[in-house]
Amino acid sequence: MTPQLVVTIGREALIAVLMVASPMLAFALVVGLSIAIFQAVTQINEMTLTFIPKILAVAAALLIFLPWMINQLTDFTRRMFELIPTLVG
């Protein structure tokens, strides 16, 4: 196993993690930003106001994107398993 291969596998793993996490993070970002704007406009400075909508947004993103996320992780895992025979020997 060469160092270049290790770096390539690590890069692919990080890209897979970012791809899988990005829909939930994007939903949380949009909801958090909209609630922050709402709080700034209405001058309501309640810190706990953002938690429940963000949790619901992340849960909704998880339900919407779960099949795609599973497909991405399955493809990555399949590529890693196909790489195992080339590493031996």
PDB file of N, CA and C in Angstrom:
ATOM      1  N   MET A   1       0.854  -1.166   0.000  1.00  0.00           N
ATOM      2  CA  MET A   1       0.000   0.000   0.000  1.00  0.00           C
ATOM      3  C   MET A   1       0.902   1.232   0.000  1.00  0.00           C
ATOM      4  N   THR A   2       0.738   2.031  -1.014  1.00  0.00           N
ATOM      5  CA  THR A   2       1.577   3.219  -1.147  1.00  0.00           C
ATOM      6  C   THR A   2       0.963   4.388  -0.384  1.00  0.00           C
ATOM      7  N   PRO A   3       1.789   5.350  -0.012  1.00  0.00           N
ATOM      8  CA  PRO A   3       1.233   6.542   0.665  1.00  0.00           C
ATOM      9  C   PRO A   3       0.223   7.295  -0.195  1.00  0.00           C
ATOM     10  N   GLN A   4       0.443   7.284  -1.509  1.00  0.00           N
ATOM     11  CA  GLN A   4      -0.491   7.963  -2.400  1.00  0.00           C
ATOM     12  C   GLN A   4      -1.870   7.295  -2.368  1.00  0.00           C
ATOM     13  N   LEU A   5      -1.899   5.982  -2.277  1.00  0.00           N
ATOM     14  CA  LEU A   5      -3.164   5.256  -2.196  1.00  0.00           C
ATOM     15  C   LEU A   5      -3.884   5.559  -0.887  1.00  0.00           C
ATOM     16  N   VAL A   6      -3.127   5.648   0.194  1.00  0.00           N
ATOM     17  CA  VAL A   6      -3.724   5.979   1.494  1.00  0.00           C
ATOM     18  C   VAL A   6      -4.351   7.365   1.449  1.00  0.00           C
ATOM     19  N   VAL A   7      -3.641   8.313   0.842  1.00  0.00           N
ATOM     20  CA  VAL A   7      -4.172   9.676   0.724  1.00  0.00           C
ATOM     21  C   VAL A   7      -5.418   9.688  -0.153  1.00  0.00           C
ATOM     22  N   THR A   8      -5.408   8.920  -1.227  1.00  0.00           N
ATOM     23  CA  THR A   8      -6.568   8.849  -2.116  1.00  0.00           C
ATOM     24  C   THR A   8      -7.785   8.267  -1.391  1.00  0.00           C
ATOM     25  N   ILE A   9      -7.578   7.199  -0.650  1.00  0.00           N
ATOM     26  CA  ILE A   9      -8.673   6.585   0.111  1.00  0.00           C
ATOM     27  C   ILE A   9      -9.192   7.566   1.161  1.00  0.00           C
ATOM     28  N   GLY A  10      -8.291   8.244   1.849  1.00  0.00           N
ATOM     29  CA  GLY A  10      -8.708   9.230   2.841  1.00  0.00           C
ATOM     30  C   GLY A  10      -9.493  10.369   2.222  1.00  0.00           C
ATOM     31  N   ARG A  11      -9.044  10.843   1.055  1.00  0.00           N
ATOM     32  CA  ARG A  11      -9.757  11.922   0.361  1.00  0.00           C
ATOM     33  C   ARG A  11     -11.150  11.472  -0.053  1.00  0.00           C
ATOM     34  N   GLU A  12     -11.254  10.258  -0.586  1.00  0.00           N
ATOM     35  CA  GLU A  12     -12.565   9.735  -0.980  1.00  0.00           C
ATOM     36  C   GLU A  12     -13.487   9.583   0.225  1.00  0.00           C
ATOM     37  N   ALA A  13     -12.932   9.173   1.356  1.00  0.00           N
ATOM     38  CA  ALA A  13     -13.742   9.025   2.566  1.00  0.00           C
ATOM     39  C   ALA A  13     -14.246  10.384   3.044  1.00  0.00           C
ATOM     40  N   LEU A  14     -13.383  11.383   3.029  1.00  0.00           N
ATOM     41  CA  LEU A  14     -13.816  12.722   3.447  1.00  0.00           C
ATOM     42  C   LEU A  14     -14.870  13.297   2.506  1.00  0.00           C
ATOM     43  N   ILE A  15     -14.699  13.077   1.219  1.00  0.00           N
ATOM     44  CA  ILE A  15     -15.691  13.561   0.255  1.00  0.00           C
ATOM     45  C   ILE A  15     -17.021  12.851   0.471  1.00  0.00           C
ATOM     46  N   ALA A  16     -16.978  11.561   0.747  1.00  0.00           N
ATOM     47  CA  ALA A  16     -18.217  10.813   0.996  1.00  0.00           C
ATOM     48  C   ALA A  16     -18.919  11.341   2.247  1.00  0.00           C
ATOM     49  N   VAL A  17     -18.154  11.613   3.297  1.00  0.00           N
ATOM     50  CA  VAL A  17     -18.749  12.140   4.532  1.00  0.00           C
ATOM     51  C   VAL A  17     -19.359  13.518   4.289  1.00  0.00           C
ATOM     52  N   LEU A  18     -18.653  14.373   3.563  1.00  0.00           N
ATOM     53  CA  LEU A  18     -19.187  15.706   3.276  1.00  0.00           C
ATOM     54  C   LEU A  18     -20.436  15.638   2.409  1.00  0.00           C
ATOM     55  N   MET A  19     -20.436  14.732   1.434  1.00  0.00           N
ATOM     56  CA  MET A  19     -21.617  14.597   0.573  1.00  0.00           C
ATOM     57  C   MET A  19     -22.826  14.113   1.367  1.00  0.00           C
ATOM     58  N   VAL A  20     -22.610  13.186   2.282  1.00  0.00           N
ATOM     59  CA  VAL A  20     -23.721  12.629   3.047  1.00  0.00           C
ATOM     60  C   VAL A  20     -24.237  13.637   4.074  1.00  0.00           C
ATOM     61  N   ALA A  21     -23.344  14.400   4.678  1.00  0.00           N
ATOM     62  CA  ALA A  21     -23.752  15.338   5.730  1.00  0.00           C
ATOM     63  C   ALA A  21     -24.267  16.662   5.189  1.00  0.00           C
ATOM     64  N   SER A  22     -23.940  17.012   3.957  1.00  0.00           N
ATOM     65  CA  SER A  22     -24.267  18.342   3.445  1.00  0.00           C
ATOM     66  C   SER A  22     -25.762  18.662   3.372  1.00  0.00           C
ATOM     67  N   PRO A  23     -26.658  17.746   2.996  1.00  0.00           N
ATOM     68  CA  PRO A  23     -28.081  18.142   2.981  1.00  0.00           C
ATOM     69  C   PRO A  23     -28.604  18.524   4.367  1.00  0.00           C
ATOM     70  N   MET A  24     -28.229  17.774   5.381  1.00  0.00           N
ATOM     71  CA  MET A  24     -28.705  18.093   6.735  1.00  0.00           C
ATOM     72  C   MET A  24     -28.100  19.402   7.228  1.00  0.00           C
ATOM     73  N   LEU A  25     -26.829  19.613   6.939  1.00  0.00           N
ATOM     74  CA  LEU A  25     -26.191  20.862   7.345  1.00  0.00           C
ATOM     75  C   LEU A  25     -26.788  22.059   6.619  1.00  0.00           C
ATOM     76  N   ALA A  26     -27.100  21.882   5.341  1.00  0.00           N
ATOM     77  CA  ALA A  26     -27.703  22.980   4.576  1.00  0.00           C
ATOM     78  C   ALA A  26     -29.087  23.331   5.116  1.00  0.00           C
ATOM     79  N   PHE A  27     -29.892  22.326   5.424  1.00  0.00           N
ATOM     80  CA  PHE A  27     -31.212  22.599   5.991  1.00  0.00           C
ATOM     81  C   PHE A  27     -31.091  23.319   7.325  1.00  0.00           C
ATOM     82  N   ALA A  28     -30.173  22.865   8.175  1.00  0.00           N
ATOM     83  CA  ALA A  28     -29.979  23.505   9.481  1.00  0.00           C
ATOM     84  C   ALA A  28     -29.484  24.936   9.310  1.00  0.00           C
ATOM     85  N   LEU A  29     -28.628  25.166   8.332  1.00  0.00           N
ATOM     86  CA  LEU A  29     -28.120  26.515   8.078  1.00  0.00           C
ATOM     87  C   LEU A  29     -29.229  27.455   7.635  1.00  0.00           C
ATOM     88  N   VAL A  30     -30.063  27.001   6.708  1.00  0.00           N
ATOM     89  CA  VAL A  30     -31.147  27.845   6.208  1.00  0.00           C
ATOM     90  C   VAL A  30     -32.144  28.161   7.319  1.00  0.00           C
ATOM     91  N   VAL A  31     -32.515  27.156   8.094  1.00  0.00           N
ATOM     92  CA  VAL A  31     -33.462  27.379   9.186  1.00  0.00           C
ATOM     93  C   VAL A  31     -32.851  28.282  10.251  1.00  0.00           C
ATOM     94  N   GLY A  32     -31.601  28.047  10.604  1.00  0.00           N
ATOM     95  CA  GLY A  32     -30.943  28.882  11.603  1.00  0.00           C
ATOM     96  C   GLY A  32     -30.820  30.317  11.160  1.00  0.00           C
ATOM     97  N   LEU A  33     -30.481  30.523   9.893  1.00  0.00           N
ATOM     98  CA  LEU A  33     -30.363  31.882   9.373  1.00  0.00           C
ATOM     99  C   LEU A  33     -31.711  32.588   9.343  1.00  0.00           C
ATOM    100  N   SER A  34     -32.753  31.880   8.929  1.00  0.00           N
ATOM    101  CA  SER A  34     -34.076  32.514   8.887  1.00  0.00           C
ATOM    102  C   SER A  34     -34.578  32.837  10.292  1.00  0.00           C
ATOM    103  N   ILE A  35     -34.304  31.981  11.252  1.00  0.00           N
ATOM    104  CA  ILE A  35     -34.718  32.265  12.626  1.00  0.00           C
ATOM    105  C   ILE A  35     -33.901  33.420  13.197  1.00  0.00           C
ATOM    106  N   ALA A  36     -32.630  33.488  12.853  1.00  0.00           N
ATOM    107  CA  ALA A  36     -31.805  34.604  13.316  1.00  0.00           C
ATOM    108  C   ALA A  36     -32.301  35.929  12.750  1.00  0.00           C
ATOM    109  N   ILE A  37     -32.691  35.923  11.483  1.00  0.00           N
ATOM    110  CA  ILE A  37     -33.251  37.142  10.886  1.00  0.00           C
ATOM    111  C   ILE A  37     -34.567  37.501  11.562  1.00  0.00           C
ATOM    112  N   PHE A  38     -35.408  36.503  11.812  1.00  0.00           N
ATOM    113  CA  PHE A  38     -36.676  36.744  12.511  1.00  0.00           C
ATOM    114  C   PHE A  38     -36.428  37.328  13.899  1.00  0.00           C
ATOM    115  N   GLN A  39     -35.444  36.786  14.620  1.00  0.00           N
ATOM    116  CA  GLN A  39     -35.137  37.296  15.954  1.00  0.00           C
ATOM    117  C   GLN A  39     -34.594  38.718  15.889  1.00  0.00           C
ATOM    118  N   ALA A  40     -33.812  39.013  14.864  1.00  0.00           N
ATOM    119  CA  ALA A  40     -33.273  40.367  14.743  1.00  0.00           C
ATOM    120  C   ALA A  40     -34.366  41.368  14.419  1.00  0.00           C
ATOM    121  N   VAL A  41     -35.316  40.966  13.596  1.00  0.00           N
ATOM    122  CA  VAL A  41     -36.394  41.874  13.212  1.00  0.00           C
ATOM    123  C   VAL A  41     -37.346  42.105  14.382  1.00  0.00           C
ATOM    124  N   THR A  42     -37.687  41.047  15.107  1.00  0.00           N
ATOM    125  CA  THR A  42     -38.658  41.174  16.192  1.00  0.00           C
ATOM    126  C   THR A  42     -38.013  41.472  17.535  1.00  0.00           C
ATOM    127  N   GLN A  43     -36.693  41.453  17.601  1.00  0.00           N
ATOM    128  CA  GLN A  43     -35.944  41.703  18.828  1.00  0.00           C
ATOM    129  C   GLN A  43     -36.275  40.687  19.927  1.00  0.00           C
ATOM    130  N   ILE A  44     -36.596  39.474  19.522  1.00  0.00           N
ATOM    131  CA  ILE A  44     -36.792  38.380  20.470  1.00  0.00           C
ATOM    132  C   ILE A  44     -35.440  37.689  20.613  1.00  0.00           C
ATOM    133  N   ASN A  45     -34.859  37.739  21.785  1.00  0.00           N
ATOM    134  CA  ASN A  45     -33.528  37.174  21.983  1.00  0.00           C
ATOM    135  C   ASN A  45     -33.582  35.908  22.824  1.00  0.00           C
ATOM    136  N   GLU A  46     -34.413  34.995  22.437  1.00  0.00           N
ATOM    137  CA  GLU A  46     -34.535  33.726  23.149  1.00  0.00           C
ATOM    138  C   GLU A  46     -33.575  32.728  22.515  1.00  0.00           C
ATOM    139  N   MET A  47     -32.631  32.226  23.286  1.00  0.00           N
ATOM    140  CA  MET A  47     -31.611  31.326  22.757  1.00  0.00           C
ATOM    141  C   MET A  47     -32.177  29.940  22.406  1.00  0.00           C
ATOM    142  N   THR A  48     -33.206  29.509  23.114  1.00  0.00           N
ATOM    143  CA  THR A  48     -33.744  28.168  22.879  1.00  0.00           C
ATOM    144  C   THR A  48     -34.707  28.116  21.695  1.00  0.00           C
ATOM    145  N   LEU A  49     -35.014  29.248  21.101  1.00  0.00           N
ATOM    146  CA  LEU A  49     -35.965  29.295  19.992  1.00  0.00           C
ATOM    147  C   LEU A  49     -35.436  28.578  18.748  1.00  0.00           C
ATOM    148  N   THR A  50     -34.146  28.501  18.586  1.00  0.00           N
ATOM    149  CA  THR A  50     -33.592  27.923  17.358  1.00  0.00           C
ATOM    150  C   THR A  50     -33.460  26.404  17.400  1.00  0.00           C
ATOM    151  N   PHE A  51     -33.467  25.800  18.559  1.00  0.00           N
ATOM    152  CA  PHE A  51     -33.158  24.371  18.646  1.00  0.00           C
ATOM    153  C   PHE A  51     -34.217  23.480  18.013  1.00  0.00           C
ATOM    154  N   ILE A  52     -35.466  23.651  18.376  1.00  0.00           N
ATOM    155  CA  ILE A  52     -36.523  22.764  17.868  1.00  0.00           C
ATOM    156  C   ILE A  52     -36.684  22.875  16.354  1.00  0.00           C
ATOM    157  N   PRO A  53     -36.750  24.078  15.773  1.00  0.00           N
ATOM    158  CA  PRO A  53     -36.845  24.130  14.300  1.00  0.00           C
ATOM    159  C   PRO A  53     -35.645  23.513  13.589  1.00  0.00           C
ATOM    160  N   LYS A  54     -34.449  23.686  14.145  1.00  0.00           N
ATOM    161  CA  LYS A  54     -33.275  23.082  13.518  1.00  0.00           C
ATOM    162  C   LYS A  54     -33.345  21.560  13.595  1.00  0.00           C
ATOM    163  N   ILE A  55     -33.771  21.042  14.733  1.00  0.00           N
ATOM    164  CA  ILE A  55     -33.895  19.587  14.874  1.00  0.00           C
ATOM    165  C   ILE A  55     -34.924  19.049  13.890  1.00  0.00           C
ATOM    166  N   LEU A  56     -36.048  19.739  13.757  1.00  0.00           N
ATOM    167  CA  LEU A  56     -37.065  19.311  12.802  1.00  0.00           C
ATOM    168  C   LEU A  56     -36.564  19.405  11.361  1.00  0.00           C
ATOM    169  N   ALA A  57     -35.798  20.451  11.050  1.00  0.00           N
ATOM    170  CA  ALA A  57     -35.257  20.602   9.692  1.00  0.00           C
ATOM    171  C   ALA A  57     -34.259  19.493   9.378  1.00  0.00           C
ATOM    172  N   VAL A  58     -33.413  19.156  10.328  1.00  0.00           N
ATOM    173  CA  VAL A  58     -32.449  18.079  10.109  1.00  0.00           C
ATOM    174  C   VAL A  58     -33.171  16.739   9.963  1.00  0.00           C
ATOM    175  N   ALA A  59     -34.219  16.524  10.764  1.00  0.00           N
ATOM    176  CA  ALA A  59     -34.987  15.281  10.642  1.00  0.00           C
ATOM    177  C   ALA A  59     -35.688  15.214   9.285  1.00  0.00           C
ATOM    178  N   ALA A  60     -36.220  16.339   8.814  1.00  0.00           N
ATOM    179  CA  ALA A  60     -36.866  16.362   7.500  1.00  0.00           C
ATOM    180  C   ALA A  60     -35.850  16.095   6.391  1.00  0.00           C
ATOM    181  N   ALA A  61     -34.676  16.704   6.495  1.00  0.00           N
ATOM    182  CA  ALA A  61     -33.629  16.459   5.493  1.00  0.00           C
ATOM    183  C   ALA A  61     -33.203  15.000   5.511  1.00  0.00           C
ATOM    184  N   LEU A  62     -33.129  14.432   6.697  1.00  0.00           N
ATOM    185  CA  LEU A  62     -32.755  13.017   6.805  1.00  0.00           C
ATOM    186  C   LEU A  62     -33.797  12.133   6.131  1.00  0.00           C
ATOM    187  N   LEU A  63     -35.068  12.428   6.343  1.00  0.00           N
ATOM    188  CA  LEU A  63     -36.121  11.634   5.708  1.00  0.00           C
ATOM    189  C   LEU A  63     -36.131  11.805   4.196  1.00  0.00           C
ATOM    190  N   ILE A  64     -35.885  13.020   3.736  1.00  0.00           N
ATOM    191  CA  ILE A  64     -35.923  13.286   2.297  1.00  0.00           C
ATOM    192  C   ILE A  64     -34.719  12.665   1.588  1.00  0.00           C
ATOM    193  N   PHE A  65     -33.535  12.838   2.158  1.00  0.00           N
ATOM    194  CA  PHE A  65     -32.307  12.446   1.476  1.00  0.00           C
ATOM    195  C   PHE A  65     -31.762  11.083   1.904  1.00  0.00           C
ATOM    196  N   LEU A  66     -32.455  10.369   2.770  1.00  0.00           N
ATOM    197  CA  LEU A  66     -31.939   9.094   3.267  1.00  0.00           C
ATOM    198  C   LEU A  66     -31.667   8.075   2.159  1.00  0.00           C
ATOM    199  N   PRO A  67     -32.544   7.884   1.181  1.00  0.00           N
ATOM    200  CA  PRO A  67     -32.210   6.907   0.121  1.00  0.00           C
ATOM    201  C   PRO A  67     -30.947   7.289  -0.650  1.00  0.00           C
ATOM    202  N   TRP A  68     -30.794   8.571  -0.947  1.00  0.00           N
ATOM    203  CA  TRP A  68     -29.610   9.034  -1.661  1.00  0.00           C
ATOM    204  C   TRP A  68     -28.354   8.855  -0.812  1.00  0.00           C
ATOM    205  N   MET A  69     -28.471   9.155   0.483  1.00  0.00           N
ATOM    206  CA  MET A  69     -27.336   9.018   1.381  1.00  0.00           C
ATOM    207  C   MET A  69     -26.901   7.553   1.501  1.00  0.00           C
ATOM    208  N   ILE A  70     -27.860   6.659   1.612  1.00  0.00           N
ATOM    209  CA  ILE A  70     -27.541   5.234   1.690  1.00  0.00           C
ATOM    210  C   ILE A  70     -26.886   4.767   0.398  1.00  0.00           C
ATOM    211  N   ASN A  71     -27.362   5.261  -0.730  1.00  0.00           N
ATOM    212  CA  ASN A  71     -26.769   4.910  -2.016  1.00  0.00           C
ATOM    213  C   ASN A  71     -25.320   5.394  -2.096  1.00  0.00           C
ATOM    214  N   GLN A  72     -25.051   6.618  -1.645  1.00  0.00           N
ATOM    215  CA  GLN A  72     -23.685   7.147  -1.660  1.00  0.00           C
ATOM    216  C   GLN A  72     -22.762   6.302  -0.784  1.00  0.00           C
ATOM    217  N   LEU A  73     -23.218   5.980   0.420  1.00  0.00           N
ATOM    218  CA  LEU A  73     -22.386   5.194   1.330  1.00  0.00           C
ATOM    219  C   LEU A  73     -22.191   3.765   0.828  1.00  0.00           C
ATOM    220  N   THR A  74     -23.212   3.195   0.210  1.00  0.00           N
ATOM    221  CA  THR A  74     -23.094   1.853  -0.350  1.00  0.00           C
ATOM    222  C   THR A  74     -22.095   1.831  -1.502  1.00  0.00           C
ATOM    223  N   ASP A  75     -22.153   2.855  -2.364  1.00  0.00           N
ATOM    224  CA  ASP A  75     -21.189   2.928  -3.468  1.00  0.00           C
ATOM    225  C   ASP A  75     -19.761   3.068  -2.949  1.00  0.00           C
ATOM    226  N   PHE A  76     -19.569   3.905  -1.934  1.00  0.00           N
ATOM    227  CA  PHE A  76     -18.237   4.075  -1.363  1.00  0.00           C
ATOM    228  C   PHE A  76     -17.740   2.770  -0.747  1.00  0.00           C
ATOM    229  N   THR A  77     -18.604   2.102  -0.007  1.00  0.00           N
ATOM    230  CA  THR A  77     -18.218   0.839   0.620  1.00  0.00           C
ATOM    231  C   THR A  77     -17.899  -0.220  -0.427  1.00  0.00           C
ATOM    232  N   ARG A  78     -18.684  -0.262  -1.483  1.00  0.00           N
ATOM    233  CA  ARG A  78     -18.437  -1.225  -2.561  1.00  0.00           C
ATOM    234  C   ARG A  78     -17.070  -0.957  -3.204  1.00  0.00           C
ATOM    235  N   ARG A  79     -16.747   0.319  -3.452  1.00  0.00           N
ATOM    236  CA  ARG A  79     -15.440   0.651  -4.025  1.00  0.00           C
ATOM    237  C   ARG A  79     -14.301   0.236  -3.089  1.00  0.00           C
ATOM    238  N   MET A  80     -14.507   0.411  -1.798  1.00  0.00           N
ATOM    239  CA  MET A  80     -13.459   0.032  -0.846  1.00  0.00           C
ATOM    240  C   MET A  80     -13.270  -1.491  -0.806  1.00  0.00           C
ATOM    241  N   PHE A  81     -14.378  -2.233  -0.854  1.00  0.00           N
ATOM    242  CA  PHE A  81     -14.275  -3.687  -0.872  1.00  0.00           C
ATOM    243  C   PHE A  81     -13.644  -4.188  -2.175  1.00  0.00           C
ATOM    244  N   GLU A  82     -13.923  -3.522  -3.295  1.00  0.00           N
ATOM    245  CA  GLU A  82     -13.316  -3.915  -4.549  1.00  0.00           C
ATOM    246  C   GLU A  82     -11.821  -3.599  -4.567  1.00  0.00           C
ATOM    247  N   LEU A  83     -11.389  -2.687  -3.743  1.00  0.00           N
ATOM    248  CA  LEU A  83      -9.980  -2.298  -3.673  1.00  0.00           C
ATOM    249  C   LEU A  83      -9.142  -3.292  -2.843  1.00  0.00           C
ATOM    250  N   ILE A  84      -9.795  -4.078  -2.006  1.00  0.00           N
ATOM    251  CA  ILE A  84      -9.067  -4.989  -1.100  1.00  0.00           C
ATOM    252  C   ILE A  84      -8.172  -5.979  -1.855  1.00  0.00           C
ATOM    253  N   PRO A  85      -8.626  -6.644  -2.933  1.00  0.00           N
ATOM    254  CA  PRO A  85      -7.734  -7.597  -3.617  1.00  0.00           C
ATOM    255  C   PRO A  85      -6.471  -6.952  -4.192  1.00  0.00           C
ATOM    256  N   THR A  86      -6.540  -5.687  -4.551  1.00  0.00           N
ATOM    257  CA  THR A  86      -5.357  -5.029  -5.100  1.00  0.00           C
ATOM    258  C   THR A  86      -4.348  -4.681  -4.009  1.00  0.00           C
ATOM    259  N   LEU A  87      -4.775  -4.671  -2.766  1.00  0.00           N
ATOM    260  CA  LEU A  87      -3.889  -4.312  -1.671  1.00  0.00           C
ATOM    261  C   LEU A  87      -3.063  -5.508  -1.184  1.00  0.00           C
ATOM    262  N   VAL A  88      -3.566  -6.705  -1.410  1.00  0.00           N
ATOM    263  CA  VAL A  88      -2.875  -7.914  -0.936  1.00  0.00           C
ATOM    264  C   VAL A  88      -1.845  -8.307  -1.989  1.00  0.00           C
ATOM    265  N   GLY A  89      -0.622  -8.477  -1.558  1.00  0.00           N
ATOM    266  CA  GLY A  89       0.399  -8.973  -2.466  1.00  0.00           C
ATOM    267  C   GLY A  89       1.287  -7.966  -3.028  1.00  0.00           C
TER     268      GLY A  89
END
